[in-house]
Amino acid sequence: MFVGVLVIGVIAASYRYLPRSGFRLHLALGLQLGGAIGNLIDRIRQGYVVDFVDFGYHSNWWPVFNVADSAIVIGVALLALNALSPRASEESARAGDARG
């Protein structure tokens, strides 16, 4: 539970330092924050996270997960896409130059 609270605090505190533009970055962190809060609520209410999405075919089954886990994974993927896109790195370099 401590890790969840720590992650929520770090993401919330980082919003102060983000550029106003950059929808993809805000969406990525918002999905991660929402997923972390959702899993934390489960841990507080029930003591564990409820995983309920379970699908597969014959003997090939995907690991069980929940909507909060999906939001976190999509947020991480968007964050990686943002970090790896040339446009994002140019914008962050310009923002760093502007700050001093």
N, C-alpha and C. Protein backbone atom coordinates (compact mmCIF):
# COMPACT_ATOMS: atom_id res chain seq x y z
N MET A 1 0.83 -1.19 0.00
CA MET A 1 0.00 0.00 0.00
C MET A 1 0.88 1.26 0.00
N PHE A 2 2.02 1.18 0.67
CA PHE A 2 2.93 2.32 0.72
C PHE A 2 3.41 2.72 -0.68
N VAL A 3 3.71 1.72 -1.50
CA VAL A 3 4.19 2.00 -2.86
C VAL A 3 3.12 2.72 -3.66
N GLY A 4 1.87 2.30 -3.52
CA GLY A 4 0.78 2.97 -4.23
C GLY A 4 0.64 4.43 -3.84
N VAL A 5 0.71 4.70 -2.55
CA VAL A 5 0.63 6.09 -2.07
C VAL A 5 1.82 6.90 -2.57
N LEU A 6 3.00 6.28 -2.57
CA LEU A 6 4.20 6.96 -3.06
C LEU A 6 4.07 7.30 -4.55
N VAL A 7 3.61 6.34 -5.35
CA VAL A 7 3.44 6.57 -6.79
C VAL A 7 2.43 7.68 -7.04
N ILE A 8 1.32 7.66 -6.33
CA ILE A 8 0.30 8.70 -6.48
C ILE A 8 0.89 10.06 -6.13
N GLY A 9 1.66 10.13 -5.04
CA GLY A 9 2.28 11.40 -4.65
C GLY A 9 3.27 11.92 -5.67
N VAL A 10 4.08 11.03 -6.21
CA VAL A 10 5.09 11.45 -7.20
C VAL A 10 4.40 11.94 -8.47
N ILE A 11 3.40 11.22 -8.95
CA ILE A 11 2.70 11.65 -10.17
C ILE A 11 2.00 12.97 -9.94
N ALA A 12 1.32 13.11 -8.82
CA ALA A 12 0.60 14.36 -8.53
C ALA A 12 1.57 15.53 -8.41
N ALA A 13 2.72 15.31 -7.76
CA ALA A 13 3.69 16.38 -7.61
C ALA A 13 4.35 16.75 -8.93
N SER A 14 4.47 15.80 -9.83
CA SER A 14 5.14 16.08 -11.11
C SER A 14 4.31 16.96 -12.03
N TYR A 15 3.01 17.03 -11.82
CA TYR A 15 2.17 17.87 -12.68
C TYR A 15 2.60 19.33 -12.65
N ARG A 16 3.18 19.75 -11.57
CA ARG A 16 3.63 21.14 -11.43
C ARG A 16 4.72 21.49 -12.44
N TYR A 17 5.53 20.50 -12.81
CA TYR A 17 6.68 20.74 -13.66
C TYR A 17 6.45 20.39 -15.13
N LEU A 18 5.24 19.98 -15.47
CA LEU A 18 4.95 19.61 -16.86
C LEU A 18 4.62 20.84 -17.69
N PRO A 19 4.99 20.81 -18.97
CA PRO A 19 4.58 21.92 -19.85
C PRO A 19 3.06 21.88 -20.03
N ARG A 20 2.47 23.05 -20.25
CA ARG A 20 1.02 23.11 -20.43
C ARG A 20 0.57 22.37 -21.68
N SER A 21 1.38 22.44 -22.72
CA SER A 21 1.06 21.67 -23.92
C SER A 21 1.54 20.24 -23.70
N GLY A 22 1.18 19.37 -24.57
CA GLY A 22 1.60 17.98 -24.42
C GLY A 22 0.48 17.11 -23.92
N PHE A 23 -0.58 17.02 -24.71
CA PHE A 23 -1.75 16.24 -24.33
C PHE A 23 -1.39 14.79 -24.03
N ARG A 24 -0.52 14.21 -24.85
CA ARG A 24 -0.18 12.79 -24.68
C ARG A 24 0.50 12.56 -23.33
N LEU A 25 1.35 13.46 -22.91
CA LEU A 25 2.03 13.33 -21.62
C LEU A 25 1.03 13.42 -20.47
N HIS A 26 0.13 14.37 -20.54
CA HIS A 26 -0.89 14.52 -19.50
C HIS A 26 -1.82 13.31 -19.46
N LEU A 27 -2.19 12.81 -20.64
CA LEU A 27 -3.04 11.62 -20.70
C LEU A 27 -2.33 10.41 -20.10
N ALA A 28 -1.06 10.23 -20.43
CA ALA A 28 -0.29 9.10 -19.91
C ALA A 28 -0.22 9.13 -18.39
N LEU A 29 0.11 10.28 -17.84
CA LEU A 29 0.20 10.38 -16.38
C LEU A 29 -1.16 10.29 -15.71
N GLY A 30 -2.18 10.82 -16.38
CA GLY A 30 -3.54 10.71 -15.85
C GLY A 30 -4.01 9.26 -15.78
N LEU A 31 -3.72 8.48 -16.82
CA LEU A 31 -4.07 7.06 -16.80
C LEU A 31 -3.32 6.32 -15.71
N GLN A 32 -2.04 6.62 -15.56
CA GLN A 32 -1.26 5.98 -14.50
C GLN A 32 -1.78 6.35 -13.12
N LEU A 33 -2.09 7.62 -12.95
CA LEU A 33 -2.61 8.09 -11.66
C LEU A 33 -3.96 7.43 -11.36
N GLY A 34 -4.84 7.39 -12.34
CA GLY A 34 -6.15 6.76 -12.14
C GLY A 34 -6.03 5.28 -11.82
N GLY A 35 -5.15 4.59 -12.52
CA GLY A 35 -4.95 3.17 -12.25
C GLY A 35 -4.38 2.93 -10.86
N ALA A 36 -3.43 3.76 -10.46
CA ALA A 36 -2.83 3.61 -9.13
C ALA A 36 -3.87 3.88 -8.04
N ILE A 37 -4.70 4.89 -8.25
CA ILE A 37 -5.76 5.19 -7.27
C ILE A 37 -6.76 4.05 -7.21
N GLY A 38 -7.15 3.52 -8.38
CA GLY A 38 -8.10 2.40 -8.40
C GLY A 38 -7.58 1.19 -7.66
N ASN A 39 -6.33 0.83 -7.90
CA ASN A 39 -5.75 -0.32 -7.19
C ASN A 39 -5.59 -0.04 -5.70
N LEU A 40 -5.25 1.21 -5.35
CA LEU A 40 -5.12 1.55 -3.93
C LEU A 40 -6.47 1.45 -3.21
N ILE A 41 -7.52 1.90 -3.87
CA ILE A 41 -8.86 1.79 -3.27
C ILE A 41 -9.20 0.33 -3.00
N ASP A 42 -8.91 -0.56 -3.97
CA ASP A 42 -9.15 -1.99 -3.75
C ASP A 42 -8.35 -2.49 -2.55
N ARG A 43 -7.09 -2.10 -2.45
CA ARG A 43 -6.25 -2.57 -1.35
C ARG A 43 -6.76 -2.07 0.01
N ILE A 44 -7.24 -0.84 0.05
CA ILE A 44 -7.76 -0.29 1.31
C ILE A 44 -9.08 -0.97 1.69
N ARG A 45 -9.98 -1.11 0.72
CA ARG A 45 -11.30 -1.67 1.01
C ARG A 45 -11.29 -3.16 1.29
N GLN A 46 -10.48 -3.92 0.50
CA GLN A 46 -10.56 -5.37 0.59
C GLN A 46 -9.27 -6.05 1.02
N GLY A 47 -8.17 -5.30 1.03
CA GLY A 47 -6.90 -5.89 1.40
C GLY A 47 -6.14 -6.49 0.23
N TYR A 48 -6.75 -6.51 -0.95
CA TYR A 48 -6.12 -7.04 -2.15
C TYR A 48 -6.79 -6.40 -3.37
N VAL A 49 -6.15 -6.54 -4.51
CA VAL A 49 -6.68 -5.98 -5.76
C VAL A 49 -7.50 -7.05 -6.46
N VAL A 50 -8.71 -6.68 -6.86
CA VAL A 50 -9.60 -7.62 -7.54
C VAL A 50 -9.30 -7.60 -9.03
N ASP A 51 -8.83 -8.74 -9.55
CA ASP A 51 -8.60 -8.90 -10.98
C ASP A 51 -9.77 -9.71 -11.53
N PHE A 52 -10.41 -9.19 -12.58
CA PHE A 52 -11.63 -9.85 -13.05
C PHE A 52 -11.68 -10.03 -14.56
N VAL A 53 -10.76 -9.47 -15.31
CA VAL A 53 -10.76 -9.65 -16.76
C VAL A 53 -9.91 -10.88 -17.05
N ASP A 54 -10.55 -11.92 -17.56
CA ASP A 54 -9.90 -13.20 -17.77
C ASP A 54 -10.35 -13.73 -19.13
N PHE A 55 -9.41 -13.81 -20.07
CA PHE A 55 -9.80 -14.34 -21.37
C PHE A 55 -8.67 -15.14 -22.00
N GLY A 56 -9.04 -15.97 -22.93
CA GLY A 56 -8.09 -16.81 -23.62
C GLY A 56 -8.83 -17.80 -24.50
N TYR A 57 -8.07 -18.74 -25.06
CA TYR A 57 -8.66 -19.73 -25.95
C TYR A 57 -7.94 -21.05 -25.73
N HIS A 58 -8.69 -22.09 -25.44
CA HIS A 58 -8.17 -23.43 -25.14
C HIS A 58 -7.14 -23.34 -24.02
N SER A 59 -5.90 -23.69 -24.29
CA SER A 59 -4.89 -23.67 -23.23
C SER A 59 -4.09 -22.38 -23.21
N ASN A 60 -4.41 -21.45 -24.09
CA ASN A 60 -3.69 -20.16 -24.16
C ASN A 60 -4.51 -19.09 -23.45
N TRP A 61 -4.15 -18.79 -22.21
CA TRP A 61 -4.87 -17.79 -21.43
C TRP A 61 -3.96 -16.63 -21.10
N TRP A 62 -4.50 -15.44 -21.18
CA TRP A 62 -3.80 -14.23 -20.81
C TRP A 62 -3.85 -14.10 -19.30
N PRO A 63 -2.84 -13.52 -18.67
CA PRO A 63 -2.93 -13.32 -17.21
C PRO A 63 -4.14 -12.46 -16.84
N VAL A 64 -4.74 -12.75 -15.73
CA VAL A 64 -5.92 -12.04 -15.26
C VAL A 64 -5.52 -10.62 -14.84
N PHE A 65 -6.36 -9.62 -15.17
CA PHE A 65 -6.05 -8.23 -14.85
C PHE A 65 -7.36 -7.48 -14.61
N ASN A 66 -7.25 -6.19 -14.29
CA ASN A 66 -8.43 -5.36 -14.10
C ASN A 66 -8.29 -4.08 -14.91
N VAL A 67 -9.29 -3.23 -14.85
CA VAL A 67 -9.30 -1.99 -15.63
C VAL A 67 -8.18 -1.06 -15.18
N ALA A 68 -7.92 -1.00 -13.89
CA ALA A 68 -6.84 -0.13 -13.38
C ALA A 68 -5.49 -0.58 -13.92
N ASP A 69 -5.27 -1.89 -13.98
CA ASP A 69 -4.02 -2.40 -14.55
C ASP A 69 -3.90 -1.99 -16.01
N SER A 70 -5.00 -2.06 -16.74
CA SER A 70 -5.00 -1.66 -18.16
C SER A 70 -4.65 -0.19 -18.31
N ALA A 71 -5.22 0.66 -17.44
CA ALA A 71 -4.93 2.09 -17.50
C ALA A 71 -3.45 2.36 -17.24
N ILE A 72 -2.87 1.66 -16.29
CA ILE A 72 -1.45 1.84 -15.97
C ILE A 72 -0.59 1.42 -17.16
N VAL A 73 -0.89 0.28 -17.76
CA VAL A 73 -0.09 -0.21 -18.89
C VAL A 73 -0.21 0.74 -20.09
N ILE A 74 -1.41 1.20 -20.39
CA ILE A 74 -1.60 2.14 -21.50
C ILE A 74 -0.88 3.45 -21.20
N GLY A 75 -0.95 3.91 -19.95
CA GLY A 75 -0.24 5.13 -19.56
C GLY A 75 1.26 5.00 -19.72
N VAL A 76 1.81 3.86 -19.33
CA VAL A 76 3.26 3.63 -19.47
C VAL A 76 3.63 3.59 -20.95
N ALA A 77 2.80 2.94 -21.77
CA ALA A 77 3.08 2.88 -23.21
C ALA A 77 3.05 4.28 -23.83
N LEU A 78 2.07 5.10 -23.44
CA LEU A 78 2.01 6.48 -23.95
C LEU A 78 3.20 7.30 -23.48
N LEU A 79 3.62 7.09 -22.24
CA LEU A 79 4.78 7.80 -21.71
C LEU A 79 6.04 7.41 -22.48
N ALA A 80 6.19 6.14 -22.78
CA ALA A 80 7.35 5.69 -23.57
C ALA A 80 7.29 6.26 -24.98
N LEU A 81 6.10 6.26 -25.57
CA LEU A 81 5.93 6.82 -26.91
C LEU A 81 6.28 8.31 -26.91
N ASN A 82 5.85 9.00 -25.88
CA ASN A 82 6.15 10.42 -25.76
C ASN A 82 7.67 10.65 -25.60
N ALA A 83 8.31 9.82 -24.80
CA ALA A 83 9.75 9.99 -24.57
C ALA A 83 10.56 9.65 -25.82
N LEU A 84 10.07 8.71 -26.61
CA LEU A 84 10.82 8.27 -27.78
C LEU A 84 10.51 9.07 -29.05
N SER A 85 9.46 9.88 -29.02
CA SER A 85 9.12 10.64 -30.22
C SER A 85 10.08 11.82 -30.37
N PRO A 86 10.59 12.05 -31.57
CA PRO A 86 11.55 13.15 -31.77
C PRO A 86 10.95 14.51 -31.43
N ARG A 87 9.68 14.70 -31.70
CA ARG A 87 9.03 15.97 -31.42
C ARG A 87 9.02 16.27 -29.92
N ALA A 88 8.75 15.26 -29.11
CA ALA A 88 8.71 15.45 -27.65
C ALA A 88 10.09 15.80 -27.11
N SER A 89 11.13 15.15 -27.63
CA SER A 89 12.47 15.46 -27.11
C SER A 89 12.91 16.86 -27.53
N GLU A 90 12.48 17.31 -28.72
CA GLU A 90 12.80 18.68 -29.14
C GLU A 90 12.09 19.70 -28.24
N GLU A 91 10.82 19.42 -27.93
CA GLU A 91 10.06 20.34 -27.07
C GLU A 91 10.65 20.40 -25.67
N SER A 92 11.06 19.24 -25.14
CA SER A 92 11.63 19.26 -23.79
C SER A 92 12.98 19.97 -23.78
N ALA A 93 13.75 19.87 -24.86
CA ALA A 93 15.02 20.58 -24.94
C ALA A 93 14.78 22.09 -24.98
N ARG A 94 13.77 22.50 -25.74
CA ARG A 94 13.44 23.93 -25.79
C ARG A 94 12.94 24.42 -24.45
N ALA A 95 12.15 23.62 -23.76
CA ALA A 95 11.64 24.00 -22.44
C ALA A 95 12.79 24.12 -21.44
N GLY A 96 13.77 23.21 -21.54
CA GLY A 96 14.94 23.29 -20.67
C GLY A 96 15.78 24.52 -20.93
N ASP A 97 15.92 24.89 -22.21
CA ASP A 97 16.67 26.10 -22.56
C ASP A 97 15.96 27.34 -22.06
N ALA A 98 14.63 27.34 -22.11
CA ALA A 98 13.86 28.50 -21.69
C ALA A 98 13.92 28.69 -20.18
N ARG A 99 14.07 27.58 -19.43
CA ARG A 99 14.11 27.68 -17.97
C ARG A 99 15.45 28.19 -17.47
N GLY A 100 16.46 28.06 -18.27
CA GLY A 100 17.72 28.62 -17.83
C GLY A 100 18.78 27.64 -17.77
